[in-house]
Amino acid sequence: MVNALTGWHAQQRRQAAIRIVLCSGALLMFLLPVVWTLLASFGITPNNVVSPPTWTGYPSLTYYAEIGVADPGFLGKVLMSFGLAAVSTLLTITIAYLAAYSLLRSRVKRRVMLVQGFLVLASLPVIAYIIPLIDIMRYLRLDDTFVGVTLALTAVYTPLALYVLYGYLMHISPELEEAAHLDGATVLQTLWSVLLPVTVPGLAATAIIIFVLNWNQFLVPSLLGGQSIQTVPAAMSDFYTFEREVEWSTAAAALIVSLLPLVVFTTLAHRFLEQFSLGGTIHED
């Protein structure tokens, strides 16, 4: 018995060591490009001429000051990205929440297949339906407008949000709604006063993920935007095109500045992110 217990503890230690090694290796792979960019933003770059490569340069904030020279409107583009991501996330979560609840309480046959179809739709690359979106926005004269880009971003990520929120809602006991209905509550009152407080963690986690996806979206703002609507990913594309001929450290500094809002946002919201899930197994009632 003692030998078996000792062997079990030894096996657990080996497995823990393997997990630590694998997680450390994955973390190193993820952080290495970020560390390289951070060092480059301070003017510390690798010297590939010598072998083994060494680091050259001295730490300096000069390149951060040069961002405004290379792109005078960069701060405005950061604010534009934040505004687009925030408004489109709010619209996406609102529409997806109402649609998921309506679908859950509907009597549509094979609704689970319909919900899974939304996941398939969310998995399609944006390029698959960006051309119809462009035609629609141009027809409505909403191209290169805040409203047009916001609606397009909402259309892109609503299927994913609907699938996730459907999974959260289906695990809520119907007795809560039945009790509210017996007390005379309407559907909207039930949604607001009964279901919303229960699903706040899932809603918040989903909203954070959608916000990050909106912030990093490149194709939609690039093709639907223009002189009036310019976001950080599109600006960074122009930045690197420009910086290939000048100084990479300035582009690295701009990239770090563009990442700071996301880092702060996700750090403050990490407790909600722990609640994020694709909703578990969705089954037919």
Foldseek 3Di string as FASTA:
>chain_A
DVVVVVVVVVVVVVVVVVVVVVVVVVVCVVCVVVVQLVCLLQVWHWDVPDPPIDIDDDGHNVLLVCLCVLPVCLVVQLVLLLVLLVLLLVVLLVVLLVVLVCLVPDPDPPSVVVLVVLVVLLPDDPVVCLVVLQVVCVVVVNFQHSVSLSVSLSVNCNSQSNQQNNLVVVPDDCVQVVVCVVVVDDPVRCVPPPVCVVCVLQSLLSSLVSSVCSLQDDPSCVSRHDDNRHHLNVVLVVVVVVCVPPGVSSSSSSVVVSCVVNVVVCVVCVVSNVVYDSNPDDDDD
